[in-house]
Amino acid sequence: MSGNYFTNPIEFLITTLFSLYILAVMLRFLLGMVRADFYNPVSQFLVRITSPVLVPLRKVIPSIGKFDISAILLMIVLQSVALTLVFLLRGGGVPVSAVIILSLAKLVSLAINVFFFAIIIQVILSWVNPGTHNPVTSLVYSLTTPILRPIQQLIPPISGIDLSPLFASIGLQVLRMLVMPLLG
């Protein structure tokens, strides 16, 4: 049996588990920034699974306004640890500066993806189940409103069709194209 036999499943587990937890921290961070409903069951789930790590960090690293610096630091550290473990598993060296830059790039990409998919989910929900309230729908609208509202003010609905999700999606992809090359 070669070394790759166990390397790929272990790499998959490391990447998946770290990515899921980083996503939870990212969602908690973003929902806090948009002042989403804290008592929403999904918000409570995110708070419960991220608090064991974030609460002690917040005692040392204070927030600056809406920015939860401890959550940002936690995401960078978790992403860096995940990348380092993957590099070590592959038998490669671990250049610290490259790991940090790649971690920042992955986190920026994740944030853009969260907004992009939230917009897509909102559009689909508006077609499939308009006007229905559930905890996820409420958080999706809370997350997308800061992005869609300015576009809606510039481009009002045409014949009852809101084009703001289309323009927001295009804008997010352009943002990705502009920011990601800067991060290497």
N, C-alpha and C. Protein backbone atom coordinates (compact mmCIF):
# COMPACT_ATOMS: atom_id res chain seq x y z
N MET A 1 0.84 -1.19 0.00
CA MET A 1 0.00 0.00 0.00
C MET A 1 0.88 1.24 0.00
N SER A 2 0.52 2.17 -0.85
CA SER A 2 1.32 3.39 -0.92
C SER A 2 0.84 4.41 0.11
N GLY A 3 1.64 5.45 0.29
CA GLY A 3 1.31 6.51 1.24
C GLY A 3 0.05 7.27 0.85
N ASN A 4 -0.26 7.31 -0.44
CA ASN A 4 -1.44 8.02 -0.92
C ASN A 4 -2.74 7.38 -0.50
N TYR A 5 -2.69 6.10 -0.18
CA TYR A 5 -3.91 5.38 0.18
C TYR A 5 -4.62 6.05 1.35
N PHE A 6 -3.87 6.44 2.37
CA PHE A 6 -4.47 7.11 3.52
C PHE A 6 -4.38 8.63 3.45
N THR A 7 -3.46 9.13 2.64
CA THR A 7 -3.25 10.58 2.55
C THR A 7 -4.49 11.29 2.03
N ASN A 8 -5.07 10.80 0.96
CA ASN A 8 -6.24 11.47 0.38
C ASN A 8 -7.44 11.51 1.33
N PRO A 9 -7.81 10.38 1.96
CA PRO A 9 -8.94 10.47 2.90
C PRO A 9 -8.66 11.37 4.11
N ILE A 10 -7.42 11.33 4.60
CA ILE A 10 -7.08 12.18 5.75
C ILE A 10 -7.11 13.64 5.35
N GLU A 11 -6.57 13.95 4.16
CA GLU A 11 -6.61 15.33 3.66
C GLU A 11 -8.06 15.79 3.48
N PHE A 12 -8.89 14.90 2.94
CA PHE A 12 -10.31 15.23 2.77
C PHE A 12 -10.97 15.54 4.12
N LEU A 13 -10.71 14.71 5.13
CA LEU A 13 -11.29 14.93 6.45
C LEU A 13 -10.81 16.24 7.07
N ILE A 14 -9.52 16.49 6.99
CA ILE A 14 -8.96 17.74 7.54
C ILE A 14 -9.59 18.94 6.86
N THR A 15 -9.59 18.92 5.53
CA THR A 15 -10.12 20.05 4.76
C THR A 15 -11.60 20.26 5.04
N THR A 16 -12.37 19.19 5.07
CA THR A 16 -13.81 19.29 5.27
C THR A 16 -14.15 19.79 6.67
N LEU A 17 -13.55 19.19 7.68
CA LEU A 17 -13.88 19.58 9.06
C LEU A 17 -13.46 21.02 9.36
N PHE A 18 -12.27 21.38 8.94
CA PHE A 18 -11.83 22.76 9.15
C PHE A 18 -12.71 23.73 8.36
N SER A 19 -13.03 23.38 7.12
CA SER A 19 -13.85 24.26 6.28
C SER A 19 -15.24 24.48 6.88
N LEU A 20 -15.83 23.43 7.41
CA LEU A 20 -17.16 23.57 8.01
C LEU A 20 -17.12 24.49 9.23
N TYR A 21 -16.10 24.33 10.06
CA TYR A 21 -16.02 25.18 11.25
C TYR A 21 -15.69 26.62 10.87
N ILE A 22 -14.81 26.80 9.89
CA ILE A 22 -14.49 28.15 9.41
C ILE A 22 -15.75 28.79 8.84
N LEU A 23 -16.54 28.02 8.11
CA LEU A 23 -17.80 28.55 7.57
C LEU A 23 -18.73 28.99 8.70
N ALA A 24 -18.80 28.21 9.76
CA ALA A 24 -19.65 28.58 10.91
C ALA A 24 -19.17 29.90 11.53
N VAL A 25 -17.86 30.04 11.70
CA VAL A 25 -17.31 31.27 12.26
C VAL A 25 -17.55 32.44 11.31
N MET A 26 -17.38 32.20 10.01
CA MET A 26 -17.61 33.25 9.00
C MET A 26 -19.07 33.70 9.03
N LEU A 27 -19.99 32.74 9.08
CA LEU A 27 -21.41 33.10 9.13
C LEU A 27 -21.74 33.88 10.39
N ARG A 28 -21.18 33.46 11.52
CA ARG A 28 -21.42 34.19 12.77
C ARG A 28 -20.87 35.62 12.64
N PHE A 29 -19.69 35.76 12.07
CA PHE A 29 -19.08 37.07 11.88
C PHE A 29 -19.94 37.94 10.97
N LEU A 30 -20.34 37.41 9.82
CA LEU A 30 -21.12 38.19 8.85
C LEU A 30 -22.51 38.52 9.38
N LEU A 31 -23.16 37.57 10.03
CA LEU A 31 -24.49 37.83 10.59
C LEU A 31 -24.42 38.86 11.71
N GLY A 32 -23.33 38.87 12.44
CA GLY A 32 -23.14 39.90 13.46
C GLY A 32 -22.95 41.27 12.84
N MET A 33 -22.24 41.31 11.73
CA MET A 33 -22.00 42.59 11.05
C MET A 33 -23.29 43.18 10.49
N VAL A 34 -24.19 42.34 9.99
CA VAL A 34 -25.44 42.85 9.41
C VAL A 34 -26.54 42.94 10.47
N ARG A 35 -26.17 42.64 11.70
CA ARG A 35 -27.12 42.72 12.83
C ARG A 35 -28.34 41.83 12.60
N ALA A 36 -28.08 40.59 12.18
CA ALA A 36 -29.17 39.63 11.98
C ALA A 36 -29.77 39.25 13.33
N ASP A 37 -30.94 38.64 13.29
CA ASP A 37 -31.66 38.25 14.49
C ASP A 37 -30.83 37.26 15.31
N PHE A 38 -30.39 37.69 16.47
CA PHE A 38 -29.57 36.86 17.34
C PHE A 38 -30.36 35.66 17.88
N TYR A 39 -31.67 35.80 18.01
CA TYR A 39 -32.49 34.74 18.59
C TYR A 39 -33.02 33.75 17.56
N ASN A 40 -32.65 33.93 16.32
CA ASN A 40 -32.99 32.99 15.27
C ASN A 40 -32.34 31.64 15.62
N PRO A 41 -33.05 30.52 15.42
CA PRO A 41 -32.47 29.21 15.76
C PRO A 41 -31.15 28.91 15.05
N VAL A 42 -31.02 29.34 13.81
CA VAL A 42 -29.76 29.12 13.09
C VAL A 42 -28.65 29.97 13.71
N SER A 43 -28.96 31.21 14.06
CA SER A 43 -27.98 32.07 14.74
C SER A 43 -27.57 31.45 16.07
N GLN A 44 -28.53 30.94 16.80
CA GLN A 44 -28.23 30.31 18.08
C GLN A 44 -27.34 29.08 17.90
N PHE A 45 -27.57 28.31 16.85
CA PHE A 45 -26.73 27.16 16.54
C PHE A 45 -25.29 27.63 16.29
N LEU A 46 -25.14 28.66 15.47
CA LEU A 46 -23.80 29.17 15.16
C LEU A 46 -23.10 29.70 16.40
N VAL A 47 -23.86 30.39 17.24
CA VAL A 47 -23.29 30.91 18.49
C VAL A 47 -22.84 29.76 19.38
N ARG A 48 -23.67 28.75 19.48
CA ARG A 48 -23.36 27.63 20.37
C ARG A 48 -22.11 26.87 19.93
N ILE A 49 -21.95 26.65 18.62
CA ILE A 49 -20.79 25.86 18.20
C ILE A 49 -19.50 26.68 18.09
N THR A 50 -19.62 28.01 18.02
CA THR A 50 -18.40 28.83 17.92
C THR A 50 -17.99 29.48 19.24
N SER A 51 -18.91 29.56 20.18
CA SER A 51 -18.60 30.23 21.46
C SER A 51 -17.47 29.60 22.26
N PRO A 52 -17.34 28.27 22.29
CA PRO A 52 -16.24 27.70 23.09
C PRO A 52 -14.87 28.23 22.70
N VAL A 53 -14.70 28.61 21.46
CA VAL A 53 -13.41 29.15 21.02
C VAL A 53 -13.42 30.67 21.02
N LEU A 54 -14.53 31.28 20.59
CA LEU A 54 -14.58 32.73 20.45
C LEU A 54 -14.66 33.48 21.78
N VAL A 55 -15.40 32.96 22.74
CA VAL A 55 -15.56 33.67 24.01
C VAL A 55 -14.22 33.89 24.71
N PRO A 56 -13.37 32.86 24.84
CA PRO A 56 -12.06 33.13 25.46
C PRO A 56 -11.21 34.10 24.64
N LEU A 57 -11.29 34.01 23.31
CA LEU A 57 -10.53 34.94 22.47
C LEU A 57 -11.00 36.38 22.65
N ARG A 58 -12.29 36.57 22.82
CA ARG A 58 -12.84 37.92 22.99
C ARG A 58 -12.38 38.57 24.28
N LYS A 59 -12.01 37.77 25.25
CA LYS A 59 -11.51 38.34 26.50
C LYS A 59 -10.13 38.97 26.29
N VAL A 60 -9.42 38.49 25.28
CA VAL A 60 -8.08 38.98 24.99
C VAL A 60 -8.08 39.98 23.83
N ILE A 61 -8.94 39.71 22.84
CA ILE A 61 -8.97 40.53 21.62
C ILE A 61 -10.34 41.19 21.51
N PRO A 62 -10.43 42.48 21.76
CA PRO A 62 -11.73 43.15 21.71
C PRO A 62 -12.20 43.42 20.27
N SER A 63 -13.48 43.62 20.13
CA SER A 63 -14.05 44.00 18.83
C SER A 63 -13.80 45.47 18.59
N ILE A 64 -13.79 45.83 17.32
CA ILE A 64 -13.68 47.23 16.93
C ILE A 64 -14.95 47.57 16.16
N GLY A 65 -15.87 48.25 16.83
CA GLY A 65 -17.17 48.55 16.21
C GLY A 65 -17.91 47.27 15.90
N LYS A 66 -18.34 47.12 14.64
CA LYS A 66 -19.04 45.92 14.20
C LYS A 66 -18.08 44.76 13.92
N PHE A 67 -16.80 45.05 13.85
CA PHE A 67 -15.83 44.04 13.45
C PHE A 67 -15.38 43.20 14.65
N ASP A 68 -15.72 41.93 14.60
CA ASP A 68 -15.30 40.99 15.63
C ASP A 68 -13.90 40.50 15.26
N ILE A 69 -12.90 41.19 15.77
CA ILE A 69 -11.51 40.90 15.43
C ILE A 69 -11.13 39.48 15.85
N SER A 70 -11.68 39.01 16.97
CA SER A 70 -11.36 37.66 17.41
C SER A 70 -11.86 36.61 16.42
N ALA A 71 -13.01 36.84 15.81
CA ALA A 71 -13.52 35.91 14.80
C ALA A 71 -12.63 35.92 13.56
N ILE A 72 -12.19 37.11 13.16
CA ILE A 72 -11.30 37.19 11.99
C ILE A 72 -9.99 36.45 12.28
N LEU A 73 -9.43 36.70 13.44
CA LEU A 73 -8.18 36.03 13.82
C LEU A 73 -8.38 34.51 13.89
N LEU A 74 -9.49 34.08 14.47
CA LEU A 74 -9.77 32.65 14.57
C LEU A 74 -9.86 32.01 13.18
N MET A 75 -10.53 32.68 12.25
CA MET A 75 -10.63 32.13 10.89
C MET A 75 -9.27 32.03 10.23
N ILE A 76 -8.43 33.06 10.41
CA ILE A 76 -7.09 33.03 9.82
C ILE A 76 -6.26 31.89 10.41
N VAL A 77 -6.32 31.75 11.74
CA VAL A 77 -5.56 30.69 12.40
C VAL A 77 -6.05 29.31 11.97
N LEU A 78 -7.37 29.10 11.96
CA LEU A 78 -7.91 27.80 11.56
C LEU A 78 -7.54 27.46 10.11
N GLN A 79 -7.67 28.45 9.23
CA GLN A 79 -7.34 28.20 7.82
C GLN A 79 -5.85 27.92 7.67
N SER A 80 -5.02 28.62 8.42
CA SER A 80 -3.57 28.40 8.37
C SER A 80 -3.20 27.02 8.89
N VAL A 81 -3.84 26.60 9.97
CA VAL A 81 -3.58 25.27 10.52
C VAL A 81 -4.00 24.20 9.51
N ALA A 82 -5.17 24.36 8.90
CA ALA A 82 -5.64 23.38 7.92
C ALA A 82 -4.67 23.28 6.75
N LEU A 83 -4.23 24.43 6.22
CA LEU A 83 -3.29 24.41 5.10
C LEU A 83 -1.95 23.79 5.50
N THR A 84 -1.49 24.12 6.69
CA THR A 84 -0.22 23.56 7.17
C THR A 84 -0.31 22.05 7.29
N LEU A 85 -1.41 21.55 7.84
CA LEU A 85 -1.59 20.10 7.96
C LEU A 85 -1.62 19.43 6.59
N VAL A 86 -2.29 20.05 5.64
CA VAL A 86 -2.34 19.49 4.29
C VAL A 86 -0.95 19.50 3.65
N PHE A 87 -0.21 20.60 3.80
CA PHE A 87 1.15 20.65 3.26
C PHE A 87 2.02 19.57 3.88
N LEU A 88 1.93 19.40 5.19
CA LEU A 88 2.72 18.39 5.88
C LEU A 88 2.32 16.98 5.44
N LEU A 89 1.04 16.77 5.25
CA LEU A 89 0.55 15.46 4.81
C LEU A 89 1.09 15.12 3.43
N ARG A 90 1.20 16.11 2.59
CA ARG A 90 1.71 15.90 1.23
C ARG A 90 3.23 15.79 1.21
N GLY A 91 3.86 16.03 2.35
CA GLY A 91 5.31 15.91 2.44
C GLY A 91 6.06 17.15 2.00
N GLY A 92 5.35 18.25 1.86
CA GLY A 92 5.98 19.49 1.43
C GLY A 92 6.39 20.36 2.61
N GLY A 93 7.20 21.35 2.29
CA GLY A 93 7.57 22.31 3.31
C GLY A 93 6.41 23.23 3.62
N VAL A 94 6.53 23.97 4.71
CA VAL A 94 5.46 24.85 5.14
C VAL A 94 5.99 26.29 5.20
N PRO A 95 5.94 27.02 4.06
CA PRO A 95 6.36 28.42 4.09
C PRO A 95 5.29 29.27 4.79
N VAL A 96 5.65 29.83 5.91
CA VAL A 96 4.69 30.54 6.76
C VAL A 96 4.02 31.70 6.03
N SER A 97 4.80 32.50 5.32
CA SER A 97 4.21 33.64 4.62
C SER A 97 3.22 33.18 3.56
N ALA A 98 3.55 32.11 2.84
CA ALA A 98 2.65 31.59 1.81
C ALA A 98 1.36 31.05 2.44
N VAL A 99 1.48 30.41 3.59
CA VAL A 99 0.31 29.87 4.27
C VAL A 99 -0.62 31.00 4.70
N ILE A 100 -0.06 32.08 5.23
CA ILE A 100 -0.88 33.20 5.68
C ILE A 100 -1.56 33.88 4.50
N ILE A 101 -0.83 34.11 3.43
CA ILE A 101 -1.42 34.76 2.25
C ILE A 101 -2.50 33.86 1.63
N LEU A 102 -2.21 32.58 1.52
CA LEU A 102 -3.19 31.64 0.98
C LEU A 102 -4.42 31.55 1.89
N SER A 103 -4.20 31.62 3.19
CA SER A 103 -5.33 31.61 4.14
C SER A 103 -6.22 32.83 3.94
N LEU A 104 -5.60 34.00 3.79
CA LEU A 104 -6.38 35.22 3.55
C LEU A 104 -7.15 35.11 2.24
N ALA A 105 -6.51 34.59 1.21
CA ALA A 105 -7.17 34.43 -0.09
C ALA A 105 -8.37 33.49 0.03
N LYS A 106 -8.19 32.39 0.73
CA LYS A 106 -9.29 31.43 0.89
C LYS A 106 -10.44 32.04 1.70
N LEU A 107 -10.13 32.85 2.70
CA LEU A 107 -11.18 33.47 3.51
C LEU A 107 -11.93 34.54 2.73
N VAL A 108 -11.23 35.32 1.93
CA VAL A 108 -11.90 36.32 1.09
C VAL A 108 -12.80 35.61 0.09
N SER A 109 -12.28 34.54 -0.51
CA SER A 109 -13.08 33.76 -1.46
C SER A 109 -14.31 33.17 -0.77
N LEU A 110 -14.15 32.69 0.44
CA LEU A 110 -15.28 32.14 1.19
C LEU A 110 -16.33 33.21 1.46
N ALA A 111 -15.90 34.39 1.85
CA ALA A 111 -16.86 35.48 2.13
C ALA A 111 -17.64 35.84 0.87
N ILE A 112 -16.94 35.93 -0.26
CA ILE A 112 -17.63 36.23 -1.52
C ILE A 112 -18.60 35.11 -1.86
N ASN A 113 -18.18 33.86 -1.66
CA ASN A 113 -19.07 32.72 -1.93
C ASN A 113 -20.30 32.73 -1.03
N VAL A 114 -20.12 33.09 0.23
CA VAL A 114 -21.27 33.14 1.15
C VAL A 114 -22.30 34.13 0.62
N PHE A 115 -21.87 35.32 0.25
CA PHE A 115 -22.81 36.31 -0.29
C PHE A 115 -23.41 35.86 -1.61
N PHE A 116 -22.58 35.29 -2.49
CA PHE A 116 -23.07 34.84 -3.79
C PHE A 116 -24.15 33.77 -3.62
N PHE A 117 -23.87 32.76 -2.81
CA PHE A 117 -24.84 31.68 -2.64
C PHE A 117 -26.06 32.13 -1.84
N ALA A 118 -25.88 33.07 -0.93
CA ALA A 118 -27.03 33.62 -0.21
C ALA A 118 -27.98 34.31 -1.18
N ILE A 119 -27.41 35.03 -2.15
CA ILE A 119 -28.25 35.69 -3.16
C ILE A 119 -28.97 34.65 -4.01
N ILE A 120 -28.25 33.61 -4.42
CA ILE A 120 -28.87 32.54 -5.23
C ILE A 120 -29.99 31.86 -4.43
N ILE A 121 -29.74 31.57 -3.17
CA ILE A 121 -30.76 30.94 -2.32
C ILE A 121 -31.97 31.86 -2.18
N GLN A 122 -31.73 33.14 -2.00
CA GLN A 122 -32.84 34.09 -1.88
C GLN A 122 -33.68 34.11 -3.15
N VAL A 123 -33.02 34.12 -4.29
CA VAL A 123 -33.75 34.12 -5.57
C VAL A 123 -34.60 32.86 -5.70
N ILE A 124 -34.00 31.71 -5.42
CA ILE A 124 -34.74 30.45 -5.53
C ILE A 124 -35.91 30.42 -4.56
N LEU A 125 -35.69 30.87 -3.33
CA LEU A 125 -36.79 30.90 -2.36
C LEU A 125 -37.90 31.83 -2.80
N SER A 126 -37.54 32.93 -3.46
CA SER A 126 -38.57 33.86 -3.91
C SER A 126 -39.41 33.26 -5.04
N TRP A 127 -38.84 32.34 -5.79
CA TRP A 127 -39.60 31.67 -6.85
C TRP A 127 -40.43 30.52 -6.30
N VAL A 128 -39.82 29.72 -5.43
CA VAL A 128 -40.44 28.49 -4.96
C VAL A 128 -41.44 28.72 -3.84
N ASN A 129 -41.07 29.53 -2.89
CA ASN A 129 -41.87 29.66 -1.69
C ASN A 129 -41.94 31.12 -1.24
N PRO A 130 -42.46 32.01 -2.08
CA PRO A 130 -42.45 33.44 -1.71
C PRO A 130 -43.36 33.73 -0.52
N GLY A 131 -42.91 34.62 0.31
CA GLY A 131 -43.73 35.07 1.44
C GLY A 131 -43.74 34.13 2.63
N THR A 132 -43.13 32.98 2.52
CA THR A 132 -43.10 32.04 3.63
C THR A 132 -41.94 32.39 4.55
N HIS A 133 -42.20 32.31 5.84
CA HIS A 133 -41.14 32.66 6.81
C HIS A 133 -40.60 31.39 7.44
N ASN A 134 -39.29 31.28 7.44
CA ASN A 134 -38.61 30.26 8.23
C ASN A 134 -37.28 30.85 8.66
N PRO A 135 -36.61 30.24 9.61
CA PRO A 135 -35.38 30.83 10.16
C PRO A 135 -34.29 31.06 9.12
N VAL A 136 -34.12 30.14 8.19
CA VAL A 136 -33.07 30.29 7.19
C VAL A 136 -33.38 31.46 6.26
N THR A 137 -34.63 31.57 5.82
CA THR A 137 -35.02 32.66 4.93
C THR A 137 -34.74 34.01 5.57
N SER A 138 -35.07 34.12 6.82
CA SER A 138 -34.85 35.38 7.54
C SER A 138 -33.38 35.75 7.56
N LEU A 139 -32.51 34.78 7.82
CA LEU A 139 -31.07 35.08 7.86
C LEU A 139 -30.52 35.38 6.46
N VAL A 140 -31.02 34.67 5.46
CA VAL A 140 -30.57 34.93 4.09
C VAL A 140 -30.91 36.36 3.70
N TYR A 141 -32.13 36.79 4.00
CA TYR A 141 -32.53 38.16 3.68
C TYR A 141 -31.70 39.17 4.48
N SER A 142 -31.42 38.87 5.74
CA SER A 142 -30.58 39.77 6.55
C SER A 142 -29.18 39.90 5.94
N LEU A 143 -28.67 38.80 5.43
CA LEU A 143 -27.32 38.79 4.87
C LEU A 143 -27.26 39.50 3.52
N THR A 144 -28.29 39.35 2.70
CA THR A 144 -28.24 39.91 1.35
C THR A 144 -28.74 41.35 1.25
N THR A 145 -29.54 41.79 2.19
CA THR A 145 -30.11 43.14 2.13
C THR A 145 -29.05 44.24 2.01
N PRO A 146 -27.95 44.21 2.77
CA PRO A 146 -26.96 45.28 2.62
C PRO A 146 -26.32 45.34 1.22
N ILE A 147 -26.31 44.23 0.52
CA ILE A 147 -25.75 44.21 -0.83
C ILE A 147 -26.81 44.59 -1.86
N LEU A 148 -28.02 44.08 -1.69
CA LEU A 148 -29.06 44.28 -2.71
C LEU A 148 -29.74 45.65 -2.62
N ARG A 149 -29.90 46.18 -1.43
CA ARG A 149 -30.63 47.45 -1.27
C ARG A 149 -30.04 48.60 -2.09
N PRO A 150 -28.71 48.83 -2.04
CA PRO A 150 -28.18 49.93 -2.86
C PRO A 150 -28.41 49.72 -4.37
N ILE A 151 -28.35 48.47 -4.80
CA ILE A 151 -28.59 48.18 -6.22
C ILE A 151 -30.06 48.41 -6.55
N GLN A 152 -30.94 48.02 -5.64
CA GLN A 152 -32.38 48.22 -5.86
C GLN A 152 -32.73 49.70 -5.93
N GLN A 153 -31.99 50.53 -5.21
CA GLN A 153 -32.22 51.97 -5.27
C GLN A 153 -31.77 52.55 -6.61
N LEU A 154 -30.73 51.96 -7.19
CA LEU A 154 -30.25 52.42 -8.50
C LEU A 154 -31.09 51.87 -9.66
N ILE A 155 -31.47 50.58 -9.51
CA ILE A 155 -32.21 49.91 -10.57
C ILE A 155 -33.51 49.36 -9.97
N PRO A 156 -34.60 50.09 -10.08
CA PRO A 156 -35.86 49.60 -9.52
C PRO A 156 -36.37 48.40 -10.33
N PRO A 157 -37.28 47.61 -9.74
CA PRO A 157 -37.83 46.46 -10.46
C PRO A 157 -38.43 46.89 -11.81
N ILE A 158 -38.20 46.07 -12.82
CA ILE A 158 -38.74 46.32 -14.15
C ILE A 158 -39.87 45.34 -14.39
N SER A 159 -41.08 45.86 -14.55
CA SER A 159 -42.29 45.03 -14.73
C SER A 159 -42.41 44.00 -13.61
N GLY A 160 -42.04 44.40 -12.40
CA GLY A 160 -42.17 43.52 -11.24
C GLY A 160 -41.02 42.55 -11.06
N ILE A 161 -40.01 42.63 -11.90
CA ILE A 161 -38.86 41.71 -11.79
C ILE A 161 -37.68 42.49 -11.22
N ASP A 162 -37.19 41.99 -10.10
CA ASP A 162 -36.05 42.62 -9.41
C ASP A 162 -34.75 42.08 -10.01
N LEU A 163 -34.00 42.95 -10.65
CA LEU A 163 -32.74 42.55 -11.28
C LEU A 163 -31.54 42.73 -10.36
N SER A 164 -31.77 43.22 -9.13
CA SER A 164 -30.64 43.46 -8.23
C SER A 164 -29.84 42.20 -7.93
N PRO A 165 -30.45 41.01 -7.77
CA PRO A 165 -29.62 39.82 -7.53
C PRO A 165 -28.67 39.52 -8.70
N LEU A 166 -29.14 39.76 -9.91
CA LEU A 166 -28.29 39.53 -11.08
C LEU A 166 -27.08 40.46 -11.05
N PHE A 167 -27.32 41.76 -10.82
CA PHE A 167 -26.23 42.72 -10.81
C PHE A 167 -25.32 42.51 -9.59
N ALA A 168 -25.89 42.12 -8.48
CA ALA A 168 -25.06 41.83 -7.30
C ALA A 168 -24.16 40.62 -7.55
N SER A 169 -24.69 39.59 -8.19
CA SER A 169 -23.90 38.40 -8.51
C SER A 169 -22.76 38.75 -9.46
N ILE A 170 -23.07 39.55 -10.46
CA ILE A 170 -22.03 39.99 -11.39
C ILE A 170 -20.98 40.81 -10.64
N GLY A 171 -21.42 41.71 -9.78
CA GLY A 171 -20.50 42.54 -9.00
C GLY A 171 -19.60 41.70 -8.09
N LEU A 172 -20.16 40.67 -7.47
CA LEU A 172 -19.36 39.80 -6.61
C LEU A 172 -18.30 39.05 -7.41
N GLN A 173 -18.66 38.61 -8.60
CA GLN A 173 -17.69 37.90 -9.43
C GLN A 173 -16.58 38.85 -9.91
N VAL A 174 -16.95 40.08 -10.25
CA VAL A 174 -15.93 41.07 -10.63
C VAL A 174 -15.03 41.36 -9.43
N LEU A 175 -15.62 41.49 -8.26
CA LEU A 175 -14.83 41.71 -7.04
C LEU A 175 -13.85 40.57 -6.84
N ARG A 176 -14.30 39.34 -7.03
CA ARG A 176 -13.41 38.18 -6.91
C ARG A 176 -12.25 38.30 -7.90
N MET A 177 -12.55 38.70 -9.13
CA MET A 177 -11.52 38.82 -10.17
C MET A 177 -10.51 39.92 -9.85
N LEU A 178 -10.98 40.96 -9.15
CA LEU A 178 -10.09 42.07 -8.80
C LEU A 178 -9.27 41.79 -7.55
N VAL A 179 -9.86 41.12 -6.56
CA VAL A 179 -9.19 40.93 -5.27
C VAL A 179 -8.28 39.70 -5.25
N MET A 180 -8.73 38.61 -5.82
CA MET A 180 -7.97 37.37 -5.70
C MET A 180 -6.55 37.45 -6.31
N PRO A 181 -6.36 38.09 -7.46
CA PRO A 181 -4.99 38.22 -7.97
C PRO A 181 -4.07 39.02 -7.03
N LEU A 182 -4.65 39.96 -6.29
CA LEU A 182 -3.84 40.74 -5.34
C LEU A 182 -3.32 39.88 -4.20
N LEU A 183 -4.06 38.81 -3.89
CA LEU A 183 -3.67 37.92 -2.80
C LEU A 183 -2.81 36.76 -3.29
N GLY A 184 -2.42 36.81 -4.54
CA GLY A 184 -1.50 35.81 -5.08
C GLY A 184 -2.19 34.57 -5.53
